[in-house]
């Protein structure tokens, strides 16, 4: 399997299939620090990143936002003192798509 962070998001439409349990298992192995959470019956990927201060957290938030714009796929980002929480899911299909795993891997690469 190709490295997720090197892949590009594909255009996703309202009827696109969500990832299967088997696909999740394969994809999740490349982003082991991410958790799958369920909110309002929608599965999402979530990770919390720690920083030493607010400015570093804010700079990371901005880098994630720029990457999201380049890929035209946007997360929920919560920025706090010393912490940024990023949540990926595909709004159009109300669940997880391969794009979410790609963007989670890209987010990890921005952190490292």
PDB file of N, CA and C in Angstrom:
ATOM      1  N   UNK A   1       0.852  -1.186   0.000  1.00  0.00           N
ATOM      2  CA  UNK A   1       0.000   0.000   0.000  1.00  0.00           C
ATOM      3  C   UNK A   1       0.888   1.236   0.000  1.00  0.00           C
ATOM      4  N   UNK A   2       0.522   2.196  -0.808  1.00  0.00           N
ATOM      5  CA  UNK A   2       1.277   3.438  -0.869  1.00  0.00           C
ATOM      6  C   UNK A   2       1.166   4.190   0.440  1.00  0.00           C
ATOM      7  N   UNK A   3       2.204   4.976   0.738  1.00  0.00           N
ATOM      8  CA  UNK A   3       2.213   5.798   1.934  1.00  0.00           C
ATOM      9  C   UNK A   3       1.077   6.820   1.843  1.00  0.00           C
ATOM     10  N   UNK A   4       0.204   6.835   2.825  1.00  0.00           N
ATOM     11  CA  UNK A   4      -0.974   7.708   2.787  1.00  0.00           C
ATOM     12  C   UNK A   4      -0.612   9.176   2.625  1.00  0.00           C
ATOM     13  N   UNK A   5       0.430   9.620   3.306  1.00  0.00           N
ATOM     14  CA  UNK A   5       0.747  11.054   3.278  1.00  0.00           C
ATOM     15  C   UNK A   5       1.214  11.519   1.905  1.00  0.00           C
ATOM     16  N   UNK A   6       1.580  10.585   1.037  1.00  0.00           N
ATOM     17  CA  UNK A   6       2.013  10.922  -0.315  1.00  0.00           C
ATOM     18  C   UNK A   6       0.854  10.940  -1.311  1.00  0.00           C
ATOM     19  N   UNK A   7      -0.326  10.501  -0.886  1.00  0.00           N
ATOM     20  CA  UNK A   7      -1.477  10.435  -1.777  1.00  0.00           C
ATOM     21  C   UNK A   7      -2.249  11.740  -1.783  1.00  0.00           C
ATOM     22  N   UNK A   8      -3.097  11.899  -2.785  1.00  0.00           N
ATOM     23  CA  UNK A   8      -3.958  13.084  -2.907  1.00  0.00           C
ATOM     24  C   UNK A   8      -5.396  12.673  -2.635  1.00  0.00           C
ATOM     25  N   UNK A   9      -6.169  13.588  -2.103  1.00  0.00           N
ATOM     26  CA  UNK A   9      -7.594  13.339  -1.910  1.00  0.00           C
ATOM     27  C   UNK A   9      -8.275  13.291  -3.277  1.00  0.00           C
ATOM     28  N   UNK A  10      -9.248  12.421  -3.396  1.00  0.00           N
ATOM     29  CA  UNK A  10     -10.037  12.351  -4.627  1.00  0.00           C
ATOM     30  C   UNK A  10     -11.362  13.065  -4.385  1.00  0.00           C
ATOM     31  N   UNK A  11     -11.956  13.561  -5.452  1.00  0.00           N
ATOM     32  CA  UNK A  11     -13.251  14.228  -5.328  1.00  0.00           C
ATOM     33  C   UNK A  11     -14.261  13.230  -4.774  1.00  0.00           C
ATOM     34  N   UNK A  12     -15.031  13.658  -3.817  1.00  0.00           N
ATOM     35  CA  UNK A  12     -15.997  12.778  -3.158  1.00  0.00           C
ATOM     36  C   UNK A  12     -17.391  13.353  -3.370  1.00  0.00           C
ATOM     37  N   UNK A  13     -18.326  12.499  -3.732  1.00  0.00           N
ATOM     38  CA  UNK A  13     -19.699  12.948  -3.960  1.00  0.00           C
ATOM     39  C   UNK A  13     -20.626  12.349  -2.901  1.00  0.00           C
ATOM     40  N   UNK A  14     -21.822  12.834  -2.832  1.00  0.00           N
ATOM     41  CA  UNK A  14     -22.767  12.457  -1.774  1.00  0.00           C
ATOM     42  C   UNK A  14     -23.053  10.961  -1.713  1.00  0.00           C
ATOM     43  N   UNK A  15     -22.954  10.243  -2.805  1.00  0.00           N
ATOM     44  CA  UNK A  15     -23.243   8.810  -2.779  1.00  0.00           C
ATOM     45  C   UNK A  15     -22.025   7.922  -2.638  1.00  0.00           C
ATOM     46  N   UNK A  16     -20.857   8.507  -2.437  1.00  0.00           N
ATOM     47  CA  UNK A  16     -19.618   7.721  -2.344  1.00  0.00           C
ATOM     48  C   UNK A  16     -19.679   6.774  -1.144  1.00  0.00           C
ATOM     49  N   UNK A  17     -19.076   5.599  -1.284  1.00  0.00           N
ATOM     50  CA  UNK A  17     -19.108   4.643  -0.169  1.00  0.00           C
ATOM     51  C   UNK A  17     -18.158   5.042   0.952  1.00  0.00           C
ATOM     52  N   UNK A  18     -18.566   4.735   2.162  1.00  0.00           N
ATOM     53  CA  UNK A  18     -17.677   4.901   3.307  1.00  0.00           C
ATOM     54  C   UNK A  18     -16.677   3.746   3.300  1.00  0.00           C
ATOM     55  N   UNK A  19     -15.571   3.918   4.006  1.00  0.00           N
ATOM     56  CA  UNK A  19     -14.593   2.840   4.101  1.00  0.00           C
ATOM     57  C   UNK A  19     -15.197   1.659   4.860  1.00  0.00           C
ATOM     58  N   UNK A  20     -14.774   0.463   4.477  1.00  0.00           N
ATOM     59  CA  UNK A  20     -15.251  -0.746   5.142  1.00  0.00           C
ATOM     60  C   UNK A  20     -14.413  -0.999   6.388  1.00  0.00           C
ATOM     61  N   UNK A  21     -14.848  -1.930   7.211  1.00  0.00           N
ATOM     62  CA  UNK A  21     -14.097  -2.301   8.410  1.00  0.00           C
ATOM     63  C   UNK A  21     -12.716  -2.829   8.030  1.00  0.00           C
ATOM     64  N   UNK A  22     -12.626  -3.587   6.949  1.00  0.00           N
ATOM     65  CA  UNK A  22     -11.326  -4.105   6.489  1.00  0.00           C
ATOM     66  C   UNK A  22     -10.415  -2.974   6.032  1.00  0.00           C
ATOM     67  N   UNK A  23     -10.975  -2.020   5.302  1.00  0.00           N
ATOM     68  CA  UNK A  23     -10.189  -0.874   4.854  1.00  0.00           C
ATOM     69  C   UNK A  23      -9.709  -0.050   6.046  1.00  0.00           C
ATOM     70  N   UNK A  24     -10.573   0.139   7.032  1.00  0.00           N
ATOM     71  CA  UNK A  24     -10.191   0.888   8.233  1.00  0.00           C
ATOM     72  C   UNK A  24      -8.997   0.233   8.900  1.00  0.00           C
ATOM     73  N   UNK A  25      -9.027  -1.087   9.016  1.00  0.00           N
ATOM     74  CA  UNK A  25      -7.931  -1.802   9.663  1.00  0.00           C
ATOM     75  C   UNK A  25      -6.615  -1.574   8.915  1.00  0.00           C
ATOM     76  N   UNK A  26      -6.647  -1.645   7.594  1.00  0.00           N
ATOM     77  CA  UNK A  26      -5.437  -1.430   6.792  1.00  0.00           C
ATOM     78  C   UNK A  26      -4.958   0.018   6.870  1.00  0.00           C
ATOM     79  N   UNK A  27      -5.884   0.955   6.716  1.00  0.00           N
ATOM     80  CA  UNK A  27      -5.522   2.371   6.713  1.00  0.00           C
ATOM     81  C   UNK A  27      -5.071   2.848   8.089  1.00  0.00           C
ATOM     82  N   UNK A  28      -5.737   2.351   9.121  1.00  0.00           N
ATOM     83  CA  UNK A  28      -5.438   2.787  10.483  1.00  0.00           C
ATOM     84  C   UNK A  28      -4.020   2.400  10.911  1.00  0.00           C
ATOM     85  N   UNK A  29      -3.464   1.370  10.291  1.00  0.00           N
ATOM     86  CA  UNK A  29      -2.108   0.953  10.657  1.00  0.00           C
ATOM     87  C   UNK A  29      -1.085   2.028  10.305  1.00  0.00           C
ATOM     88  N   UNK A  30      -1.422   2.921   9.367  1.00  0.00           N
ATOM     89  CA  UNK A  30      -0.518   4.012   8.997  1.00  0.00           C
ATOM     90  C   UNK A  30      -0.706   5.261   9.854  1.00  0.00           C
ATOM     91  N   UNK A  31      -1.785   5.290  10.618  1.00  0.00           N
ATOM     92  CA  UNK A  31      -2.040   6.456  11.491  1.00  0.00           C
ATOM     93  C   UNK A  31      -2.430   5.962  12.886  1.00  0.00           C
ATOM     94  N   UNK A  32      -1.540   5.234  13.559  1.00  0.00           N
ATOM     95  CA  UNK A  32      -1.897   4.561  14.810  1.00  0.00           C
ATOM     96  C   UNK A  32      -2.277   5.479  15.969  1.00  0.00           C
ATOM     97  N   UNK A  33      -1.918   6.751  15.911  1.00  0.00           N
ATOM     98  CA  UNK A  33      -2.236   7.661  17.018  1.00  0.00           C
ATOM     99  C   UNK A  33      -3.634   8.267  16.915  1.00  0.00           C
ATOM    100  N   UNK A  34      -4.328   7.976  15.837  1.00  0.00           N
ATOM    101  CA  UNK A  34      -5.672   8.505  15.635  1.00  0.00           C
ATOM    102  C   UNK A  34      -6.702   7.547  16.209  1.00  0.00           C
ATOM    103  N   UNK A  35      -7.766   8.129  16.766  1.00  0.00           N
ATOM    104  CA  UNK A  35      -8.870   7.330  17.308  1.00  0.00           C
ATOM    105  C   UNK A  35     -10.103   7.528  16.437  1.00  0.00           C
ATOM    106  N   UNK A  36     -10.870   6.477  16.315  1.00  0.00           N
ATOM    107  CA  UNK A  36     -12.159   6.607  15.651  1.00  0.00           C
ATOM    108  C   UNK A  36     -13.185   6.890  16.726  1.00  0.00           C
ATOM    109  N   UNK A  37     -13.880   8.002  16.574  1.00  0.00           N
ATOM    110  CA  UNK A  37     -14.926   8.402  17.515  1.00  0.00           C
ATOM    111  C   UNK A  37     -16.246   8.472  16.748  1.00  0.00           C
ATOM    112  N   UNK A  38     -17.333   8.375  17.486  1.00  0.00           N
ATOM    113  CA  UNK A  38     -18.655   8.496  16.874  1.00  0.00           C
ATOM    114  C   UNK A  38     -19.391   9.642  17.543  1.00  0.00           C
ATOM    115  N   UNK A  39     -19.830  10.597  16.725  1.00  0.00           N
ATOM    116  CA  UNK A  39     -20.626  11.731  17.200  1.00  0.00           C
ATOM    117  C   UNK A  39     -21.853  11.843  16.313  1.00  0.00           C
ATOM    118  N   UNK A  40     -23.030  11.899  16.911  1.00  0.00           N
ATOM    119  CA  UNK A  40     -24.274  12.003  16.135  1.00  0.00           C
ATOM    120  C   UNK A  40     -24.353  10.912  15.070  1.00  0.00           C
ATOM    121  N   UNK A  41     -23.939   9.695  15.454  1.00  0.00           N
ATOM    122  CA  UNK A  41     -23.947   8.524  14.563  1.00  0.00           C
ATOM    123  C   UNK A  41     -23.031   8.673  13.351  1.00  0.00           C
ATOM    124  N   UNK A  42     -22.021   9.528  13.446  1.00  0.00           N
ATOM    125  CA  UNK A  42     -21.064   9.725  12.367  1.00  0.00           C
ATOM    126  C   UNK A  42     -19.676   9.334  12.888  1.00  0.00           C
ATOM    127  N   UNK A  43     -19.022   8.389  12.189  1.00  0.00           N
ATOM    128  CA  UNK A  43     -17.663   8.004  12.570  1.00  0.00           C
ATOM    129  C   UNK A  43     -16.680   9.049  12.048  1.00  0.00           C
ATOM    130  N   UNK A  44     -15.723   9.404  12.922  1.00  0.00           N
ATOM    131  CA  UNK A  44     -14.735  10.432  12.613  1.00  0.00           C
ATOM    132  C   UNK A  44     -13.376   9.990  13.134  1.00  0.00           C
ATOM    133  N   UNK A  45     -12.328  10.554  12.554  1.00  0.00           N
ATOM    134  CA  UNK A  45     -10.966  10.357  13.047  1.00  0.00           C
ATOM    135  C   UNK A  45     -10.585  11.556  13.894  1.00  0.00           C
ATOM    136  N   UNK A  46      -9.985  11.308  15.062  1.00  0.00           N
ATOM    137  CA  UNK A  46      -9.617  12.421  15.948  1.00  0.00           C
ATOM    138  C   UNK A  46      -8.252  12.163  16.579  1.00  0.00           C
ATOM    139  N   UNK A  47      -7.480  13.238  16.651  1.00  0.00           N
ATOM    140  CA  UNK A  47      -6.187  13.178  17.344  1.00  0.00           C
ATOM    141  C   UNK A  47      -5.926  14.507  18.029  1.00  0.00           C
ATOM    142  N   UNK A  48      -5.296  14.417  19.177  1.00  0.00           N
ATOM    143  CA  UNK A  48      -4.886  15.596  19.936  1.00  0.00           C
ATOM    144  C   UNK A  48      -3.370  15.722  19.850  1.00  0.00           C
ATOM    145  N   UNK A  49      -2.905  16.914  19.532  1.00  0.00           N
ATOM    146  CA  UNK A  49      -1.474  17.216  19.443  1.00  0.00           C
ATOM    147  C   UNK A  49      -1.123  18.163  20.582  1.00  0.00           C
ATOM    148  N   UNK A  50       0.018  17.929  21.229  1.00  0.00           N
ATOM    149  CA  UNK A  50       0.462  18.752  22.355  1.00  0.00           C
ATOM    150  C   UNK A  50       1.603  19.676  21.948  1.00  0.00           C
ATOM    151  N   UNK A  51       1.580  20.884  22.527  1.00  0.00           N
ATOM    152  CA  UNK A  51       2.597  21.905  22.257  1.00  0.00           C
ATOM    153  C   UNK A  51       3.003  22.566  23.565  1.00  0.00           C
ATOM    154  N   UNK A  52       4.123  23.297  23.531  1.00  0.00           N
ATOM    155  CA  UNK A  52       4.627  23.944  24.737  1.00  0.00           C
ATOM    156  C   UNK A  52       3.984  25.294  25.005  1.00  0.00           C
ATOM    157  N   UNK A  53       3.253  25.833  24.014  1.00  0.00           N
ATOM    158  CA  UNK A  53       2.647  27.142  24.213  1.00  0.00           C
ATOM    159  C   UNK A  53       1.538  27.360  23.181  1.00  0.00           C
ATOM    160  N   UNK A  54       0.869  28.464  23.293  1.00  0.00           N
ATOM    161  CA  UNK A  54      -0.251  28.761  22.392  1.00  0.00           C
ATOM    162  C   UNK A  54       0.228  29.082  20.978  1.00  0.00           C
ATOM    163  N   UNK A  55       1.321  29.826  20.859  1.00  0.00           N
ATOM    164  CA  UNK A  55       1.804  30.231  19.537  1.00  0.00           C
ATOM    165  C   UNK A  55       2.176  29.016  18.675  1.00  0.00           C
ATOM    166  N   UNK A  56       2.843  28.021  19.265  1.00  0.00           N
ATOM    167  CA  UNK A  56       3.182  26.804  18.513  1.00  0.00           C
ATOM    168  C   UNK A  56       1.909  26.071  18.090  1.00  0.00           C
ATOM    169  N   UNK A  57       0.928  26.027  18.972  1.00  0.00           N
ATOM    170  CA  UNK A  57      -0.348  25.383  18.640  1.00  0.00           C
ATOM    171  C   UNK A  57      -1.036  26.130  17.500  1.00  0.00           C
ATOM    172  N   UNK A  58      -1.014  27.434  17.552  1.00  0.00           N
ATOM    173  CA  UNK A  58      -1.643  28.244  16.510  1.00  0.00           C
ATOM    174  C   UNK A  58      -0.924  28.090  15.164  1.00  0.00           C
ATOM    175  N   UNK A  59       0.397  28.057  15.186  1.00  0.00           N
ATOM    176  CA  UNK A  59       1.166  27.858  13.952  1.00  0.00           C
ATOM    177  C   UNK A  59       0.841  26.505  13.325  1.00  0.00           C
ATOM    178  N   UNK A  60       0.720  25.471  14.141  1.00  0.00           N
ATOM    179  CA  UNK A  60       0.344  24.148  13.635  1.00  0.00           C
ATOM    180  C   UNK A  60      -1.062  24.196  13.028  1.00  0.00           C
ATOM    181  N   UNK A  61      -1.985  24.856  13.699  1.00  0.00           N
ATOM    182  CA  UNK A  61      -3.347  25.009  13.185  1.00  0.00           C
ATOM    183  C   UNK A  61      -3.328  25.635  11.797  1.00  0.00           C
ATOM    184  N   UNK A  62      -2.534  26.665  11.627  1.00  0.00           N
ATOM    185  CA  UNK A  62      -2.440  27.333  10.328  1.00  0.00           C
ATOM    186  C   UNK A  62      -1.847  26.425   9.257  1.00  0.00           C
ATOM    187  N   UNK A  63      -0.864  25.607   9.610  1.00  0.00           N
ATOM    188  CA  UNK A  63      -0.284  24.668   8.637  1.00  0.00           C
ATOM    189  C   UNK A  63      -1.309  23.619   8.218  1.00  0.00           C
ATOM    190  N   UNK A  64      -2.099  23.134   9.182  1.00  0.00           N
ATOM    191  CA  UNK A  64      -3.160  22.167   8.864  1.00  0.00           C
ATOM    192  C   UNK A  64      -4.192  22.824   7.948  1.00  0.00           C
ATOM    193  N   UNK A  65      -4.548  24.063   8.238  1.00  0.00           N
ATOM    194  CA  UNK A  65      -5.531  24.777   7.415  1.00  0.00           C
ATOM    195  C   UNK A  65      -5.035  24.953   5.986  1.00  0.00           C
ATOM    196  N   UNK A  66      -3.777  25.288   5.802  1.00  0.00           N
ATOM    197  CA  UNK A  66      -3.221  25.441   4.454  1.00  0.00           C
ATOM    198  C   UNK A  66      -3.230  24.119   3.691  1.00  0.00           C
ATOM    199  N   UNK A  67      -2.875  23.027   4.383  1.00  0.00           N
ATOM    200  CA  UNK A  67      -2.912  21.704   3.752  1.00  0.00           C
ATOM    201  C   UNK A  67      -4.345  21.333   3.367  1.00  0.00           C
ATOM    202  N   UNK A  68      -5.285  21.643   4.236  1.00  0.00           N
ATOM    203  CA  UNK A  68      -6.691  21.355   3.953  1.00  0.00           C
ATOM    204  C   UNK A  68      -7.173  22.114   2.721  1.00  0.00           C
ATOM    205  N   UNK A  69      -6.762  23.352   2.584  1.00  0.00           N
ATOM    206  CA  UNK A  69      -7.136  24.142   1.414  1.00  0.00           C
ATOM    207  C   UNK A  69      -6.542  23.556   0.136  1.00  0.00           C
ATOM    208  N   UNK A  70      -5.282  23.119   0.207  1.00  0.00           N
ATOM    209  CA  UNK A  70      -4.638  22.520  -0.967  1.00  0.00           C
ATOM    210  C   UNK A  70      -5.373  21.263  -1.428  1.00  0.00           C
ATOM    211  N   UNK A  71      -5.884  20.489  -0.483  1.00  0.00           N
ATOM    212  CA  UNK A  71      -6.559  19.232  -0.806  1.00  0.00           C
ATOM    213  C   UNK A  71      -8.074  19.402  -0.949  1.00  0.00           C
ATOM    214  N   UNK A  72      -8.587  20.577  -0.623  1.00  0.00           N
ATOM    215  CA  UNK A  72     -10.026  20.850  -0.644  1.00  0.00           C
ATOM    216  C   UNK A  72     -10.805  19.852   0.213  1.00  0.00           C
ATOM    217  N   UNK A  73     -10.237  19.583   1.388  1.00  0.00           N
ATOM    218  CA  UNK A  73     -10.886  18.696   2.367  1.00  0.00           C
ATOM    219  C   UNK A  73     -10.585  19.298   3.735  1.00  0.00           C
ATOM    220  N   UNK A  74     -11.613  19.618   4.503  1.00  0.00           N
ATOM    221  CA  UNK A  74     -11.440  20.462   5.681  1.00  0.00           C
ATOM    222  C   UNK A  74     -11.869  19.767   6.967  1.00  0.00           C
ATOM    223  N   UNK A  75     -11.057  19.869   8.011  1.00  0.00           N
ATOM    224  CA  UNK A  75     -11.353  19.244   9.299  1.00  0.00           C
ATOM    225  C   UNK A  75     -12.025  20.215  10.266  1.00  0.00           C
ATOM    226  N   UNK A  76     -12.362  19.671  11.391  1.00  0.00           N
ATOM    227  CA  UNK A  76     -12.687  20.487  12.557  1.00  0.00           C
ATOM    228  C   UNK A  76     -11.379  20.619  13.329  1.00  0.00           C
ATOM    229  N   UNK A  77     -11.031  21.848  13.685  1.00  0.00           N
ATOM    230  CA  UNK A  77      -9.792  22.092  14.429  1.00  0.00           C
ATOM    231  C   UNK A  77     -10.134  22.920  15.670  1.00  0.00           C
ATOM    232  N   UNK A  78      -9.703  22.429  16.815  1.00  0.00           N
ATOM    233  CA  UNK A  78      -9.861  23.180  18.057  1.00  0.00           C
ATOM    234  C   UNK A  78      -8.468  23.507  18.577  1.00  0.00           C
ATOM    235  N   UNK A  79      -8.172  24.789  18.710  1.00  0.00           N
ATOM    236  CA  UNK A  79      -6.863  25.245  19.161  1.00  0.00           C
ATOM    237  C   UNK A  79      -6.997  25.823  20.558  1.00  0.00           C
ATOM    238  N   UNK A  80      -6.162  25.316  21.471  1.00  0.00           N
ATOM    239  CA  UNK A  80      -6.146  25.778  22.852  1.00  0.00           C
ATOM    240  C   UNK A  80      -4.695  26.002  23.255  1.00  0.00           C
ATOM    241  N   UNK A  81      -4.483  26.529  24.450  1.00  0.00           N
ATOM    242  CA  UNK A  81      -3.125  26.690  24.933  1.00  0.00           C
ATOM    243  C   UNK A  81      -2.498  25.306  25.026  1.00  0.00           C
ATOM    244  N   UNK A  82      -1.422  25.094  24.257  1.00  0.00           N
ATOM    245  CA  UNK A  82      -0.663  23.855  24.340  1.00  0.00           C
ATOM    246  C   UNK A  82      -1.304  22.640  23.704  1.00  0.00           C
ATOM    247  N   UNK A  83      -2.410  22.825  22.975  1.00  0.00           N
ATOM    248  CA  UNK A  83      -3.096  21.655  22.440  1.00  0.00           C
ATOM    249  C   UNK A  83      -3.914  22.010  21.207  1.00  0.00           C
ATOM    250  N   UNK A  84      -3.860  21.132  20.211  1.00  0.00           N
ATOM    251  CA  UNK A  84      -4.705  21.245  19.021  1.00  0.00           C
ATOM    252  C   UNK A  84      -5.373  19.896  18.810  1.00  0.00           C
ATOM    253  N   UNK A  85      -6.690  19.909  18.665  1.00  0.00           N
ATOM    254  CA  UNK A  85      -7.436  18.692  18.372  1.00  0.00           C
ATOM    255  C   UNK A  85      -7.953  18.801  16.948  1.00  0.00           C
ATOM    256  N   UNK A  86      -7.628  17.778  16.140  1.00  0.00           N
ATOM    257  CA  UNK A  86      -8.031  17.754  14.735  1.00  0.00           C
ATOM    258  C   UNK A  86      -8.972  16.579  14.534  1.00  0.00           C
ATOM    259  N   UNK A  87     -10.087  16.835  13.849  1.00  0.00           N
ATOM    260  CA  UNK A  87     -11.067  15.792  13.570  1.00  0.00           C
ATOM    261  C   UNK A  87     -11.374  15.789  12.078  1.00  0.00           C
ATOM    262  N   UNK A  88     -11.193  14.613  11.460  1.00  0.00           N
ATOM    263  CA  UNK A  88     -11.465  14.442  10.033  1.00  0.00           C
ATOM    264  C   UNK A  88     -12.650  13.518   9.828  1.00  0.00           C
ATOM    265  N   UNK A  89     -13.536  13.884   8.924  1.00  0.00           N
ATOM    266  CA  UNK A  89     -14.597  13.028   8.411  1.00  0.00           C
ATOM    267  C   UNK A  89     -15.103  13.678   7.143  1.00  0.00           C
ATOM    268  N   UNK A  90     -15.865  12.930   6.373  1.00  0.00           N
ATOM    269  CA  UNK A  90     -16.355  13.458   5.108  1.00  0.00           C
ATOM    270  C   UNK A  90     -17.817  13.839   5.271  1.00  0.00           C
ATOM    271  N   UNK A  91     -18.069  15.123   5.231  1.00  0.00           N
ATOM    272  CA  UNK A  91     -19.408  15.650   5.468  1.00  0.00           C
ATOM    273  C   UNK A  91     -20.431  15.102   4.478  1.00  0.00           C
ATOM    274  N   UNK A  92     -20.047  15.016   3.201  1.00  0.00           N
ATOM    275  CA  UNK A  92     -20.995  14.605   2.157  1.00  0.00           C
ATOM    276  C   UNK A  92     -21.538  13.196   2.357  1.00  0.00           C
ATOM    277  N   UNK A  93     -20.741  12.313   2.975  1.00  0.00           N
ATOM    278  CA  UNK A  93     -21.202  10.935   3.169  1.00  0.00           C
ATOM    279  C   UNK A  93     -21.472  10.628   4.640  1.00  0.00           C
ATOM    280  N   UNK A  94     -21.330  11.651   5.475  1.00  0.00           N
ATOM    281  CA  UNK A  94     -21.587  11.508   6.913  1.00  0.00           C
ATOM    282  C   UNK A  94     -20.840  10.313   7.516  1.00  0.00           C
ATOM    283  N   UNK A  95     -19.544  10.277   7.228  1.00  0.00           N
ATOM    284  CA  UNK A  95     -18.721   9.189   7.751  1.00  0.00           C
ATOM    285  C   UNK A  95     -17.304   9.273   7.229  1.00  0.00           C
ATOM    286  N   UNK A  96     -16.617   8.142   7.302  1.00  0.00           N
ATOM    287  CA  UNK A  96     -15.204   8.094   6.931  1.00  0.00           C
ATOM    288  C   UNK A  96     -15.004   7.633   5.491  1.00  0.00           C
ATOM    289  N   UNK A  97     -14.137   8.342   4.804  1.00  0.00           N
ATOM    290  CA  UNK A  97     -13.722   8.049   3.433  1.00  0.00           C
ATOM    291  C   UNK A  97     -12.204   7.912   3.459  1.00  0.00           C
ATOM    292  N   UNK A  98     -11.648   7.311   2.444  1.00  0.00           N
ATOM    293  CA  UNK A  98     -10.188   7.189   2.345  1.00  0.00           C
ATOM    294  C   UNK A  98      -9.510   8.554   2.483  1.00  0.00           C
ATOM    295  N   UNK A  99     -10.141   9.603   1.961  1.00  0.00           N
ATOM    296  CA  UNK A  99      -9.577  10.957   2.063  1.00  0.00           C
ATOM    297  C   UNK A  99      -9.270  11.343   3.504  1.00  0.00           C
ATOM    298  N   UNK A 100     -10.101  10.911   4.441  1.00  0.00           N
ATOM    299  CA  UNK A 100      -9.898  11.273   5.841  1.00  0.00           C
ATOM    300  C   UNK A 100      -8.607  10.664   6.382  1.00  0.00           C
ATOM    301  N   UNK A 101      -8.311   9.444   5.979  1.00  0.00           N
ATOM    302  CA  UNK A 101      -7.084   8.781   6.406  1.00  0.00           C
ATOM    303  C   UNK A 101      -5.866   9.433   5.747  1.00  0.00           C
ATOM    304  N   UNK A 102      -6.012   9.817   4.488  1.00  0.00           N
ATOM    305  CA  UNK A 102      -4.937  10.533   3.795  1.00  0.00           C
ATOM    306  C   UNK A 102      -4.631  11.837   4.532  1.00  0.00           C
ATOM    307  N   UNK A 103      -5.664  12.580   4.872  1.00  0.00           N
ATOM    308  CA  UNK A 103      -5.448  13.865   5.538  1.00  0.00           C
ATOM    309  C   UNK A 103      -4.934  13.696   6.964  1.00  0.00           C
ATOM    310  N   UNK A 104      -5.341  12.638   7.644  1.00  0.00           N
ATOM    311  CA  UNK A 104      -4.789  12.369   8.974  1.00  0.00           C
ATOM    312  C   UNK A 104      -3.286  12.113   8.870  1.00  0.00           C
ATOM    313  N   UNK A 105      -2.864  11.341   7.860  1.00  0.00           N
ATOM    314  CA  UNK A 105      -1.438  11.074   7.665  1.00  0.00           C
ATOM    315  C   UNK A 105      -0.688  12.362   7.325  1.00  0.00           C
ATOM    316  N   UNK A 106      -1.272  13.200   6.504  1.00  0.00           N
ATOM    317  CA  UNK A 106      -0.652  14.479   6.156  1.00  0.00           C
ATOM    318  C   UNK A 106      -0.560  15.387   7.382  1.00  0.00           C
ATOM    319  N   UNK A 107      -1.557  15.343   8.249  1.00  0.00           N
ATOM    320  CA  UNK A 107      -1.544  16.139   9.473  1.00  0.00           C
ATOM    321  C   UNK A 107      -0.400  15.661  10.385  1.00  0.00           C
ATOM    322  N   UNK A 108      -0.253  14.337  10.512  1.00  0.00           N
ATOM    323  CA  UNK A 108       0.856  13.804  11.302  1.00  0.00           C
ATOM    324  C   UNK A 108       2.202  14.275  10.745  1.00  0.00           C
ATOM    325  N   UNK A 109       2.336  14.280   9.417  1.00  0.00           N
ATOM    326  CA  UNK A 109       3.599  14.703   8.798  1.00  0.00           C
ATOM    327  C   UNK A 109       3.888  16.174   9.110  1.00  0.00           C
ATOM    328  N   UNK A 110       2.850  16.999   9.187  1.00  0.00           N
ATOM    329  CA  UNK A 110       3.060  18.410   9.547  1.00  0.00           C
ATOM    330  C   UNK A 110       3.539  18.563  10.977  1.00  0.00           C
ATOM    331  N   UNK A 111       3.134  17.647  11.830  1.00  0.00           N
ATOM    332  CA  UNK A 111       3.504  17.708  13.244  1.00  0.00           C
ATOM    333  C   UNK A 111       4.960  17.287  13.464  1.00  0.00           C
ATOM    334  N   UNK A 112       5.442  16.351  12.659  1.00  0.00           N
ATOM    335  CA  UNK A 112       6.800  15.789  12.864  1.00  0.00           C
ATOM    336  C   UNK A 112       7.874  16.609  12.241  1.00  0.00           C
TER     337      UNK A 112
END
